[in-house]
């Protein structure tokens, strides 16, 4: 790649380890497809982390909304 984008070291140090590893994998990928797939995995993992934080924050509020509680119960099932 002629126009190499420098790795953001400050961001890399602040990210949780799994996200930092995915960021490095995306940055160092040799092909466009590998770069795309690694970036997609990074996005998916980031979204799941954000969702888990949102659920924990909601639970900490102590409010009970029946319709939302039913939807959150379905998240308990593990998925690959």
PDB file of N, CA and C in Angstrom:
ATOM      1  N   UNK A   1       0.848  -1.164   0.000  1.00  0.00           N
ATOM      2  CA  UNK A   1       0.000   0.000   0.000  1.00  0.00           C
ATOM      3  C   UNK A   1       0.898   1.232   0.000  1.00  0.00           C
ATOM      4  N   UNK A   2       0.710   2.113  -0.959  1.00  0.00           N
ATOM      5  CA  UNK A   2       1.557   3.292  -1.081  1.00  0.00           C
ATOM      6  C   UNK A   2       1.311   4.316   0.016  1.00  0.00           C
ATOM      7  N   UNK A   3       0.067   4.516   0.355  1.00  0.00           N
ATOM      8  CA  UNK A   3      -0.297   5.548   1.323  1.00  0.00           C
ATOM      9  C   UNK A   3      -0.639   4.888   2.657  1.00  0.00           C
ATOM     10  N   UNK A   4       0.384   4.426   3.343  1.00  0.00           N
ATOM     11  CA  UNK A   4       0.205   3.740   4.624  1.00  0.00           C
ATOM     12  C   UNK A   4      -0.363   4.703   5.667  1.00  0.00           C
ATOM     13  N   UNK A   5      -1.445   4.313   6.296  1.00  0.00           N
ATOM     14  CA  UNK A   5      -2.049   5.105   7.362  1.00  0.00           C
ATOM     15  C   UNK A   5      -1.355   4.711   8.661  1.00  0.00           C
ATOM     16  N   UNK A   6      -0.813   5.679   9.399  1.00  0.00           N
ATOM     17  CA  UNK A   6      -0.101   5.322  10.633  1.00  0.00           C
ATOM     18  C   UNK A   6      -1.065   4.771  11.693  1.00  0.00           C
ATOM     19  N   UNK A   7      -0.570   3.831  12.476  1.00  0.00           N
ATOM     20  CA  UNK A   7      -1.379   3.248  13.540  1.00  0.00           C
ATOM     21  C   UNK A   7      -1.508   4.263  14.666  1.00  0.00           C
ATOM     22  N   UNK A   8      -2.686   4.414  15.189  1.00  0.00           N
ATOM     23  CA  UNK A   8      -2.952   5.342  16.284  1.00  0.00           C
ATOM     24  C   UNK A   8      -2.556   4.673  17.600  1.00  0.00           C
ATOM     25  N   UNK A   9      -1.337   4.919  18.053  1.00  0.00           N
ATOM     26  CA  UNK A   9      -0.799   4.269  19.260  1.00  0.00           C
ATOM     27  C   UNK A   9      -1.583   4.659  20.512  1.00  0.00           C
ATOM     28  N   UNK A  10      -2.021   5.906  20.580  1.00  0.00           N
ATOM     29  CA  UNK A  10      -2.765   6.366  21.749  1.00  0.00           C
ATOM     30  C   UNK A  10      -4.091   5.611  21.864  1.00  0.00           C
ATOM     31  N   UNK A  11      -4.771   5.448  20.747  1.00  0.00           N
ATOM     32  CA  UNK A  11      -6.014   4.683  20.730  1.00  0.00           C
ATOM     33  C   UNK A  11      -5.743   3.231  21.098  1.00  0.00           C
ATOM     34  N   UNK A  12      -4.693   2.671  20.550  1.00  0.00           N
ATOM     35  CA  UNK A  12      -4.340   1.273  20.790  1.00  0.00           C
ATOM     36  C   UNK A  12      -4.109   1.001  22.278  1.00  0.00           C
ATOM     37  N   UNK A  13      -3.506   1.955  22.987  1.00  0.00           N
ATOM     38  CA  UNK A  13      -3.243   1.783  24.411  1.00  0.00           C
ATOM     39  C   UNK A  13      -4.502   1.890  25.257  1.00  0.00           C
ATOM     40  N   UNK A  14      -5.513   2.610  24.772  1.00  0.00           N
ATOM     41  CA  UNK A  14      -6.746   2.791  25.535  1.00  0.00           C
ATOM     42  C   UNK A  14      -7.756   1.675  25.299  1.00  0.00           C
ATOM     43  N   UNK A  15      -7.627   0.956  24.188  1.00  0.00           N
ATOM     44  CA  UNK A  15      -8.595  -0.093  23.870  1.00  0.00           C
ATOM     45  C   UNK A  15      -8.413  -1.309  24.767  1.00  0.00           C
ATOM     46  N   UNK A  16      -9.517  -2.006  25.074  1.00  0.00           N
ATOM     47  CA  UNK A  16      -9.373  -3.301  25.752  1.00  0.00           C
ATOM     48  C   UNK A  16      -8.578  -4.249  24.851  1.00  0.00           C
ATOM     49  N   UNK A  17      -7.874  -5.205  25.462  1.00  0.00           N
ATOM     50  CA  UNK A  17      -6.968  -6.074  24.719  1.00  0.00           C
ATOM     51  C   UNK A  17      -7.613  -6.752  23.500  1.00  0.00           C
ATOM     52  N   UNK A  18      -8.806  -7.355  23.619  1.00  0.00           N
ATOM     53  CA  UNK A  18      -9.373  -8.005  22.421  1.00  0.00           C
ATOM     54  C   UNK A  18      -9.608  -7.028  21.268  1.00  0.00           C
ATOM     55  N   UNK A  19     -10.050  -5.811  21.598  1.00  0.00           N
ATOM     56  CA  UNK A  19     -10.271  -4.815  20.548  1.00  0.00           C
ATOM     57  C   UNK A  19      -8.937  -4.325  19.976  1.00  0.00           C
ATOM     58  N   UNK A  20      -7.942  -4.179  20.826  1.00  0.00           N
ATOM     59  CA  UNK A  20      -6.619  -3.758  20.356  1.00  0.00           C
ATOM     60  C   UNK A  20      -6.029  -4.797  19.407  1.00  0.00           C
ATOM     61  N   UNK A  21      -6.227  -6.073  19.733  1.00  0.00           N
ATOM     62  CA  UNK A  21      -5.729  -7.129  18.856  1.00  0.00           C
ATOM     63  C   UNK A  21      -6.425  -7.092  17.499  1.00  0.00           C
ATOM     64  N   UNK A  22      -7.732  -6.875  17.503  1.00  0.00           N
ATOM     65  CA  UNK A  22      -8.467  -6.786  16.236  1.00  0.00           C
ATOM     66  C   UNK A  22      -8.050  -5.550  15.441  1.00  0.00           C
ATOM     67  N   UNK A  23      -7.790  -4.453  16.144  1.00  0.00           N
ATOM     68  CA  UNK A  23      -7.334  -3.234  15.472  1.00  0.00           C
ATOM     69  C   UNK A  23      -5.991  -3.480  14.776  1.00  0.00           C
ATOM     70  N   UNK A  24      -5.080  -4.151  15.493  1.00  0.00           N
ATOM     71  CA  UNK A  24      -3.775  -4.457  14.892  1.00  0.00           C
ATOM     72  C   UNK A  24      -3.915  -5.387  13.696  1.00  0.00           C
ATOM     73  N   UNK A  25      -4.787  -6.391  13.838  1.00  0.00           N
ATOM     74  CA  UNK A  25      -4.996  -7.335  12.738  1.00  0.00           C
ATOM     75  C   UNK A  25      -5.540  -6.604  11.507  1.00  0.00           C
ATOM     76  N   UNK A  26      -6.463  -5.681  11.715  1.00  0.00           N
ATOM     77  CA  UNK A  26      -7.016  -4.914  10.595  1.00  0.00           C
ATOM     78  C   UNK A  26      -5.949  -4.008   9.979  1.00  0.00           C
ATOM     79  N   UNK A  27      -5.133  -3.411  10.821  1.00  0.00           N
ATOM     80  CA  UNK A  27      -4.109  -2.486  10.321  1.00  0.00           C
ATOM     81  C   UNK A  27      -3.014  -3.204   9.535  1.00  0.00           C
ATOM     82  N   UNK A  28      -2.652  -4.402   9.984  1.00  0.00           N
ATOM     83  CA  UNK A  28      -1.543  -5.122   9.359  1.00  0.00           C
ATOM     84  C   UNK A  28      -1.981  -6.132   8.299  1.00  0.00           C
ATOM     85  N   UNK A  29      -3.256  -6.162   7.959  1.00  0.00           N
ATOM     86  CA  UNK A  29      -3.736  -7.120   6.958  1.00  0.00           C
ATOM     87  C   UNK A  29      -3.075  -6.848   5.608  1.00  0.00           C
ATOM     88  N   UNK A  30      -2.780  -7.914   4.904  1.00  0.00           N
ATOM     89  CA  UNK A  30      -2.046  -7.794   3.636  1.00  0.00           C
ATOM     90  C   UNK A  30      -2.959  -7.551   2.437  1.00  0.00           C
ATOM     91  N   UNK A  31      -4.177  -8.073   2.484  1.00  0.00           N
ATOM     92  CA  UNK A  31      -5.087  -7.911   1.346  1.00  0.00           C
ATOM     93  C   UNK A  31      -6.280  -7.051   1.748  1.00  0.00           C
ATOM     94  N   UNK A  32      -6.958  -6.555   0.752  1.00  0.00           N
ATOM     95  CA  UNK A  32      -8.150  -5.745   1.012  1.00  0.00           C
ATOM     96  C   UNK A  32      -9.233  -6.566   1.697  1.00  0.00           C
ATOM     97  N   UNK A  33      -9.385  -7.819   1.269  1.00  0.00           N
ATOM     98  CA  UNK A  33     -10.397  -8.678   1.881  1.00  0.00           C
ATOM     99  C   UNK A  33     -10.065  -8.940   3.347  1.00  0.00           C
ATOM    100  N   UNK A  34      -8.826  -9.242   3.641  1.00  0.00           N
ATOM    101  CA  UNK A  34      -8.424  -9.487   5.032  1.00  0.00           C
ATOM    102  C   UNK A  34      -8.621  -8.234   5.877  1.00  0.00           C
ATOM    103  N   UNK A  35      -8.310  -7.080   5.319  1.00  0.00           N
ATOM    104  CA  UNK A  35      -8.497  -5.806   6.019  1.00  0.00           C
ATOM    105  C   UNK A  35      -9.969  -5.558   6.294  1.00  0.00           C
ATOM    106  N   UNK A  36     -10.801  -5.834   5.286  1.00  0.00           N
ATOM    107  CA  UNK A  36     -12.250  -5.645   5.426  1.00  0.00           C
ATOM    108  C   UNK A  36     -12.816  -6.578   6.498  1.00  0.00           C
ATOM    109  N   UNK A  37     -12.434  -7.856   6.463  1.00  0.00           N
ATOM    110  CA  UNK A  37     -12.945  -8.819   7.427  1.00  0.00           C
ATOM    111  C   UNK A  37     -12.490  -8.491   8.848  1.00  0.00           C
ATOM    112  N   UNK A  38     -11.240  -8.102   9.004  1.00  0.00           N
ATOM    113  CA  UNK A  38     -10.736  -7.748  10.329  1.00  0.00           C
ATOM    114  C   UNK A  38     -11.433  -6.499  10.859  1.00  0.00           C
ATOM    115  N   UNK A  39     -11.655  -5.521   9.999  1.00  0.00           N
ATOM    116  CA  UNK A  39     -12.366  -4.305  10.412  1.00  0.00           C
ATOM    117  C   UNK A  39     -13.808  -4.628  10.780  1.00  0.00           C
ATOM    118  N   UNK A  40     -14.414  -5.551  10.060  1.00  0.00           N
ATOM    119  CA  UNK A  40     -15.779  -5.974  10.365  1.00  0.00           C
ATOM    120  C   UNK A  40     -15.841  -6.667  11.719  1.00  0.00           C
ATOM    121  N   UNK A  41     -14.866  -7.510  12.005  1.00  0.00           N
ATOM    122  CA  UNK A  41     -14.821  -8.181  13.311  1.00  0.00           C
ATOM    123  C   UNK A  41     -14.598  -7.167  14.435  1.00  0.00           C
ATOM    124  N   UNK A  42     -13.762  -6.176  14.179  1.00  0.00           N
ATOM    125  CA  UNK A  42     -13.528  -5.121  15.162  1.00  0.00           C
ATOM    126  C   UNK A  42     -14.814  -4.357  15.433  1.00  0.00           C
ATOM    127  N   UNK A  43     -15.542  -4.016  14.390  1.00  0.00           N
ATOM    128  CA  UNK A  43     -16.805  -3.298  14.537  1.00  0.00           C
ATOM    129  C   UNK A  43     -17.804  -4.126  15.333  1.00  0.00           C
ATOM    130  N   UNK A  44     -17.924  -5.415  15.008  1.00  0.00           N
ATOM    131  CA  UNK A  44     -18.874  -6.289  15.688  1.00  0.00           C
ATOM    132  C   UNK A  44     -18.524  -6.430  17.169  1.00  0.00           C
ATOM    133  N   UNK A  45     -17.261  -6.633  17.480  1.00  0.00           N
ATOM    134  CA  UNK A  45     -16.843  -6.770  18.876  1.00  0.00           C
ATOM    135  C   UNK A  45     -17.078  -5.465  19.642  1.00  0.00           C
ATOM    136  N   UNK A  46     -16.824  -4.336  19.008  1.00  0.00           N
ATOM    137  CA  UNK A  46     -17.057  -3.034  19.642  1.00  0.00           C
ATOM    138  C   UNK A  46     -18.535  -2.829  19.931  1.00  0.00           C
ATOM    139  N   UNK A  47     -19.366  -3.210  18.993  1.00  0.00           N
ATOM    140  CA  UNK A  47     -20.810  -3.072  19.166  1.00  0.00           C
ATOM    141  C   UNK A  47     -21.310  -3.954  20.304  1.00  0.00           C
ATOM    142  N   UNK A  48     -20.800  -5.180  20.393  1.00  0.00           N
ATOM    143  CA  UNK A  48     -21.202  -6.082  21.473  1.00  0.00           C
ATOM    144  C   UNK A  48     -20.742  -5.547  22.827  1.00  0.00           C
ATOM    145  N   UNK A  49     -19.546  -4.982  22.886  1.00  0.00           N
ATOM    146  CA  UNK A  49     -19.055  -4.395  24.129  1.00  0.00           C
ATOM    147  C   UNK A  49     -19.924  -3.216  24.542  1.00  0.00           C
ATOM    148  N   UNK A  50     -20.270  -2.369  23.597  1.00  0.00           N
ATOM    149  CA  UNK A  50     -21.134  -1.224  23.882  1.00  0.00           C
ATOM    150  C   UNK A  50     -22.495  -1.683  24.377  1.00  0.00           C
ATOM    151  N   UNK A  51     -23.051  -2.710  23.750  1.00  0.00           N
ATOM    152  CA  UNK A  51     -24.357  -3.226  24.164  1.00  0.00           C
ATOM    153  C   UNK A  51     -24.297  -3.793  25.576  1.00  0.00           C
ATOM    154  N   UNK A  52     -23.226  -4.493  25.911  1.00  0.00           N
ATOM    155  CA  UNK A  52     -23.116  -5.060  27.251  1.00  0.00           C
ATOM    156  C   UNK A  52     -23.016  -3.957  28.307  1.00  0.00           C
ATOM    157  N   UNK A  53     -22.312  -2.896  27.994  1.00  0.00           N
ATOM    158  CA  UNK A  53     -22.220  -1.759  28.917  1.00  0.00           C
ATOM    159  C   UNK A  53     -23.594  -1.109  29.087  1.00  0.00           C
ATOM    160  N   UNK A  54     -24.332  -0.975  28.003  1.00  0.00           N
ATOM    161  CA  UNK A  54     -25.665  -0.380  28.073  1.00  0.00           C
ATOM    162  C   UNK A  54     -26.605  -1.223  28.932  1.00  0.00           C
ATOM    163  N   UNK A  55     -26.529  -2.542  28.820  1.00  0.00           N
ATOM    164  CA  UNK A  55     -27.378  -3.426  29.627  1.00  0.00           C
ATOM    165  C   UNK A  55     -27.010  -3.310  31.109  1.00  0.00           C
ATOM    166  N   UNK A  56     -25.723  -3.280  31.413  1.00  0.00           N
ATOM    167  CA  UNK A  56     -25.293  -3.152  32.806  1.00  0.00           C
ATOM    168  C   UNK A  56     -25.742  -1.810  33.382  1.00  0.00           C
ATOM    169  N   UNK A  57     -25.602  -0.748  32.620  1.00  0.00           N
ATOM    170  CA  UNK A  57     -26.045   0.568  33.088  1.00  0.00           C
ATOM    171  C   UNK A  57     -27.557   0.607  33.304  1.00  0.00           C
ATOM    172  N   UNK A  58     -28.298  -0.040  32.416  1.00  0.00           N
ATOM    173  CA  UNK A  58     -29.746  -0.108  32.571  1.00  0.00           C
ATOM    174  C   UNK A  58     -30.104  -0.865  33.844  1.00  0.00           C
ATOM    175  N   UNK A  59     -29.428  -1.983  34.082  1.00  0.00           N
ATOM    176  CA  UNK A  59     -29.700  -2.774  35.279  1.00  0.00           C
ATOM    177  C   UNK A  59     -29.383  -1.983  36.544  1.00  0.00           C
ATOM    178  N   UNK A  60     -28.361  -1.146  36.491  1.00  0.00           N
ATOM    179  CA  UNK A  60     -27.971  -0.347  37.654  1.00  0.00           C
ATOM    180  C   UNK A  60     -29.006   0.732  37.989  1.00  0.00           C
ATOM    181  N   UNK A  61     -29.814   1.119  37.017  1.00  0.00           N
ATOM    182  CA  UNK A  61     -30.845   2.128  37.265  1.00  0.00           C
ATOM    183  C   UNK A  61     -31.935   1.606  38.191  1.00  0.00           C
ATOM    184  N   UNK A  62     -32.184   0.300  38.124  1.00  0.00           N
ATOM    185  CA  UNK A  62     -33.204  -0.292  38.981  1.00  0.00           C
ATOM    186  C   UNK A  62     -34.624  -0.101  38.489  1.00  0.00           C
ATOM    187  N   UNK A  63     -34.806   0.394  37.304  1.00  0.00           N
ATOM    188  CA  UNK A  63     -36.148   0.568  36.739  1.00  0.00           C
ATOM    189  C   UNK A  63     -36.586  -0.725  36.071  1.00  0.00           C
ATOM    190  N   UNK A  64     -37.857  -1.005  36.134  1.00  0.00           N
ATOM    191  CA  UNK A  64     -38.379  -2.209  35.498  1.00  0.00           C
ATOM    192  C   UNK A  64     -39.393  -1.830  34.430  1.00  0.00           C
ATOM    193  N   UNK A  65     -39.031  -2.030  33.192  1.00  0.00           N
ATOM    194  CA  UNK A  65     -39.941  -1.838  32.069  1.00  0.00           C
ATOM    195  C   UNK A  65     -40.192  -3.228  31.501  1.00  0.00           C
ATOM    196  N   UNK A  66     -41.412  -3.712  31.634  1.00  0.00           N
ATOM    197  CA  UNK A  66     -41.735  -5.108  31.314  1.00  0.00           C
ATOM    198  C   UNK A  66     -41.356  -5.494  29.890  1.00  0.00           C
ATOM    199  N   UNK A  67     -41.664  -4.659  28.924  1.00  0.00           N
ATOM    200  CA  UNK A  67     -41.371  -5.021  27.529  1.00  0.00           C
ATOM    201  C   UNK A  67     -39.862  -5.095  27.288  1.00  0.00           C
ATOM    202  N   UNK A  68     -39.136  -4.193  27.891  1.00  0.00           N
ATOM    203  CA  UNK A  68     -37.687  -4.203  27.737  1.00  0.00           C
ATOM    204  C   UNK A  68     -37.055  -5.377  28.484  1.00  0.00           C
ATOM    205  N   UNK A  69     -37.599  -5.691  29.651  1.00  0.00           N
ATOM    206  CA  UNK A  69     -37.093  -6.829  30.425  1.00  0.00           C
ATOM    207  C   UNK A  69     -37.226  -8.127  29.628  1.00  0.00           C
ATOM    208  N   UNK A  70     -38.344  -8.312  28.926  1.00  0.00           N
ATOM    209  CA  UNK A  70     -38.534  -9.524  28.110  1.00  0.00           C
ATOM    210  C   UNK A  70     -37.501  -9.604  26.991  1.00  0.00           C
ATOM    211  N   UNK A  71     -37.228  -8.478  26.380  1.00  0.00           N
ATOM    212  CA  UNK A  71     -36.239  -8.462  25.297  1.00  0.00           C
ATOM    213  C   UNK A  71     -34.832  -8.735  25.831  1.00  0.00           C
ATOM    214  N   UNK A  72     -34.517  -8.213  26.994  1.00  0.00           N
ATOM    215  CA  UNK A  72     -33.198  -8.438  27.578  1.00  0.00           C
ATOM    216  C   UNK A  72     -33.016  -9.887  28.018  1.00  0.00           C
ATOM    217  N   UNK A  73     -34.105 -10.533  28.439  1.00  0.00           N
ATOM    218  CA  UNK A  73     -34.008 -11.942  28.828  1.00  0.00           C
ATOM    219  C   UNK A  73     -33.571 -12.818  27.664  1.00  0.00           C
ATOM    220  N   UNK A  74     -33.976 -12.460  26.461  1.00  0.00           N
ATOM    221  CA  UNK A  74     -33.587 -13.260  25.291  1.00  0.00           C
ATOM    222  C   UNK A  74     -32.092 -13.138  24.994  1.00  0.00           C
ATOM    223  N   UNK A  75     -31.429 -12.113  25.523  1.00  0.00           N
ATOM    224  CA  UNK A  75     -29.992 -11.940  25.327  1.00  0.00           C
ATOM    225  C   UNK A  75     -29.171 -12.879  26.199  1.00  0.00           C
ATOM    226  N   UNK A  76     -29.801 -13.491  27.178  1.00  0.00           N
ATOM    227  CA  UNK A  76     -29.090 -14.367  28.096  1.00  0.00           C
ATOM    228  C   UNK A  76     -28.560 -15.600  27.364  1.00  0.00           C
ATOM    229  N   UNK A  77     -29.262 -16.028  26.351  1.00  0.00           N
ATOM    230  CA  UNK A  77     -28.839 -17.220  25.592  1.00  0.00           C
ATOM    231  C   UNK A  77     -27.534 -16.938  24.859  1.00  0.00           C
ATOM    232  N   UNK A  78     -26.535 -17.796  25.055  1.00  0.00           N
ATOM    233  CA  UNK A  78     -25.263 -17.572  24.362  1.00  0.00           C
ATOM    234  C   UNK A  78     -25.399 -17.848  22.865  1.00  0.00           C
ATOM    235  N   UNK A  79     -24.637 -17.110  22.098  1.00  0.00           N
ATOM    236  CA  UNK A  79     -24.628 -17.290  20.646  1.00  0.00           C
ATOM    237  C   UNK A  79     -23.186 -17.223  20.160  1.00  0.00           C
ATOM    238  N   UNK A  80     -22.904 -17.972  19.137  1.00  0.00           N
ATOM    239  CA  UNK A  80     -21.563 -17.928  18.575  1.00  0.00           C
ATOM    240  C   UNK A  80     -21.503 -16.996  17.407  1.00  0.00           C
TER     241      UNK A  80
END
